[in-house]
């Protein structure tokens, strides 16, 4: 079976998953709903379902955003969220270690933060992880050829 290739942007508000050959296959809120009882917690919902629960939950259910300012704020919750979201787009027959992930990340990501992203990916069965700064991803999305050594600055004064 061929490798599955994904580009993932774990945003503070939304998580976007792009699948090579299919385009954007998932765009959902970066939220999880978690019921907390003492030291135990149970995941109730992820993404849109968690967003629908906002303001309508019992006091022991918290709606959590594990990503803050484009950086992983809570690794455990981020891993749970990514696992659940990626399940929605992966075929059931995919073999572990056949997944390549390209993360769209903030420009000034530290080595520690990159390691957290890699651990997230390896936790869902990825065998290869790469990074692209969000600025470069935005340029590519706008149709710029980032391989050419040219640029245009337009000042509308």
Protein backbone atom coordinates (compact mmCIF):
# COMPACT_ATOMS: atom_id res chain seq x y z
CA UNK A 1 0.00 0.00 0.00
CA UNK A 2 1.28 3.48 -0.87
CA UNK A 3 2.05 6.06 1.77
CA UNK A 4 -0.71 8.44 2.81
CA UNK A 5 0.53 12.04 2.73
CA UNK A 6 -1.08 14.77 4.79
CA UNK A 7 -0.42 18.43 5.52
CA UNK A 8 -1.84 19.48 8.87
CA UNK A 9 -2.28 22.93 10.35
CA UNK A 10 -3.07 22.72 14.05
CA UNK A 11 -4.51 26.17 14.46
CA UNK A 12 -5.72 27.87 17.61
CA UNK A 13 -9.24 28.09 16.18
CA UNK A 14 -9.40 25.36 13.53
CA UNK A 15 -7.43 22.33 12.44
CA UNK A 16 -7.10 21.79 8.71
CA UNK A 17 -6.02 18.50 7.15
CA UNK A 18 -4.98 18.38 3.50
CA UNK A 19 -4.58 15.00 1.80
CA UNK A 20 -2.37 14.74 -1.27
CA UNK A 21 -4.55 14.13 -4.28
CA UNK A 22 -7.79 15.04 -2.49
CA UNK A 23 -7.31 18.60 -1.22
CA UNK A 24 -8.59 19.77 2.16
CA UNK A 25 -10.42 16.80 3.63
CA UNK A 26 -11.11 18.16 7.11
CA UNK A 27 -11.57 21.58 8.67
CA UNK A 28 -12.86 21.44 12.23
CA UNK A 29 -12.54 23.47 15.43
CA UNK A 30 -9.43 22.73 17.50
CA UNK A 31 -11.46 21.76 20.56
CA UNK A 32 -12.08 18.78 22.77
CA UNK A 33 -14.83 18.25 25.35
CA UNK A 34 -13.56 16.46 28.41
CA UNK A 35 -15.41 15.38 31.55
CA UNK A 36 -13.20 15.61 34.63
CA UNK A 37 -13.93 13.67 37.80
CA UNK A 38 -11.13 13.90 40.34
CA UNK A 39 -7.92 12.88 38.60
CA UNK A 40 -9.74 10.92 35.90
CA UNK A 41 -10.89 12.47 32.67
CA UNK A 42 -12.87 11.13 29.73
CA UNK A 43 -13.05 12.56 26.23
CA UNK A 44 -16.64 13.25 25.23
CA UNK A 45 -16.21 14.94 21.85
CA UNK A 46 -13.70 16.47 19.43
CA UNK A 47 -13.99 19.18 16.76
CA UNK A 48 -17.49 20.27 15.72
CA UNK A 49 -19.18 18.09 18.32
CA UNK A 50 -17.11 19.71 21.09
CA UNK A 51 -17.95 23.17 19.75
CA UNK A 52 -21.68 22.33 19.75
CA UNK A 53 -21.35 21.42 23.44
CA UNK A 54 -20.02 24.85 24.46
CA UNK A 55 -22.28 26.42 27.05
CA UNK A 56 -24.47 23.31 27.21
CA UNK A 57 -22.43 21.00 29.43
CA UNK A 58 -22.41 19.84 33.02
CA UNK A 59 -20.05 21.70 35.37
CA UNK A 60 -17.54 18.84 35.28
CA UNK A 61 -17.26 18.95 31.45
CA UNK A 62 -14.67 21.34 30.10
CA UNK A 63 -14.23 22.52 26.52
CA UNK A 64 -10.49 22.75 25.93
CA UNK A 65 -8.39 24.18 23.13
CA UNK A 66 -5.04 22.34 23.30
CA UNK A 67 -3.43 24.77 20.83
CA UNK A 68 -2.62 28.35 21.86
CA UNK A 69 -1.17 30.88 19.40
CA UNK A 70 -0.32 28.07 16.99
CA UNK A 71 1.74 26.24 19.62
CA UNK A 72 0.86 23.01 21.44
CA UNK A 73 -0.31 24.11 24.90
CA UNK A 74 -1.43 20.73 26.22
CA UNK A 75 0.36 17.80 24.59
CA UNK A 76 -1.92 15.04 25.88
CA UNK A 77 -5.10 16.80 24.75
CA UNK A 78 -3.54 17.78 21.41
CA UNK A 79 -2.61 14.16 20.76
CA UNK A 80 -6.12 12.96 21.56
CA UNK A 81 -7.61 15.65 19.32
CA UNK A 82 -5.29 14.87 16.40
CA UNK A 83 -5.90 11.11 16.71
CA UNK A 84 -9.66 11.60 16.59
CA UNK A 85 -9.53 14.07 13.70
CA UNK A 86 -7.14 11.96 11.62
CA UNK A 87 -9.39 8.91 12.14
CA UNK A 88 -12.06 10.79 10.20
CA UNK A 89 -9.89 10.99 7.08
CA UNK A 90 -7.82 7.80 7.22
CA UNK A 91 -9.05 4.67 5.51
CA UNK A 92 -9.63 1.88 8.03
CA UNK A 93 -7.16 -0.34 6.17
CA UNK A 94 -4.16 2.01 6.47
CA UNK A 95 -1.08 0.32 7.87
CA UNK A 96 0.75 2.08 10.68
CA UNK A 97 4.02 3.67 9.63
CA UNK A 98 2.71 4.43 6.16
CA UNK A 99 1.73 8.02 6.95
CA UNK A 100 3.76 11.10 6.00
CA UNK A 101 2.82 14.36 7.71
CA UNK A 102 3.81 17.90 6.86
CA UNK A 103 2.95 20.32 9.66
CA UNK A 104 2.26 23.98 8.89
CA UNK A 105 3.84 25.76 11.84
CA UNK A 106 4.67 29.28 13.08
CA UNK A 107 8.02 30.60 11.80
CA UNK A 108 9.83 30.83 15.13
CA UNK A 109 9.16 27.31 16.36
CA UNK A 110 11.73 26.12 18.90
CA UNK A 111 13.45 22.73 18.80
CA UNK A 112 11.37 21.62 21.82
CA UNK A 113 8.13 22.63 20.07
CA UNK A 114 9.16 20.80 16.87
CA UNK A 115 9.84 17.72 18.98
CA UNK A 116 6.30 17.94 20.40
CA UNK A 117 4.85 18.10 16.88
CA UNK A 118 6.96 15.09 15.84
CA UNK A 119 5.80 13.14 18.90
CA UNK A 120 2.18 13.94 18.00
CA UNK A 121 2.69 12.58 14.51
CA UNK A 122 4.56 9.47 15.61
CA UNK A 123 1.78 8.86 18.16
CA UNK A 124 -0.76 8.46 15.34
CA UNK A 125 1.47 6.14 13.33
CA UNK A 126 3.41 8.52 11.07
CA UNK A 127 6.80 7.42 9.81
CA UNK A 128 7.94 10.76 8.40
CA UNK A 129 7.37 14.28 9.70
CA UNK A 130 8.34 17.55 8.06
CA UNK A 131 7.61 21.22 8.68
CA UNK A 132 6.77 24.23 6.55
CA UNK A 133 6.48 27.76 7.99
CA UNK A 134 2.95 29.15 7.77
CA UNK A 135 4.20 32.13 5.75
CA UNK A 136 5.55 29.84 3.02
CA UNK A 137 2.35 27.76 3.04
CA UNK A 138 0.34 30.99 2.60
CA UNK A 139 2.46 32.03 -0.38
CA UNK A 140 2.05 28.64 -2.02
CA UNK A 141 -1.72 28.83 -1.39
CA UNK A 142 -1.80 32.21 -3.15
CA UNK A 143 -0.12 30.73 -6.21
CA UNK A 144 3.41 32.06 -5.73
CA UNK A 145 6.24 29.91 -7.03
CA UNK A 146 8.54 29.77 -4.01
CA UNK A 147 11.30 28.15 -6.11
CA UNK A 148 11.92 31.32 -8.13
CA UNK A 149 14.42 33.88 -6.79
CA UNK A 150 12.16 36.86 -7.39
CA UNK A 151 9.63 38.91 -5.56
CA UNK A 152 7.41 41.95 -5.87
CA UNK A 153 6.71 44.51 -3.20
CA UNK A 154 3.70 46.64 -3.89
CA UNK A 155 3.12 49.73 -1.80
CA UNK A 156 -0.31 51.27 -2.10
CA UNK A 157 0.30 54.74 -0.75
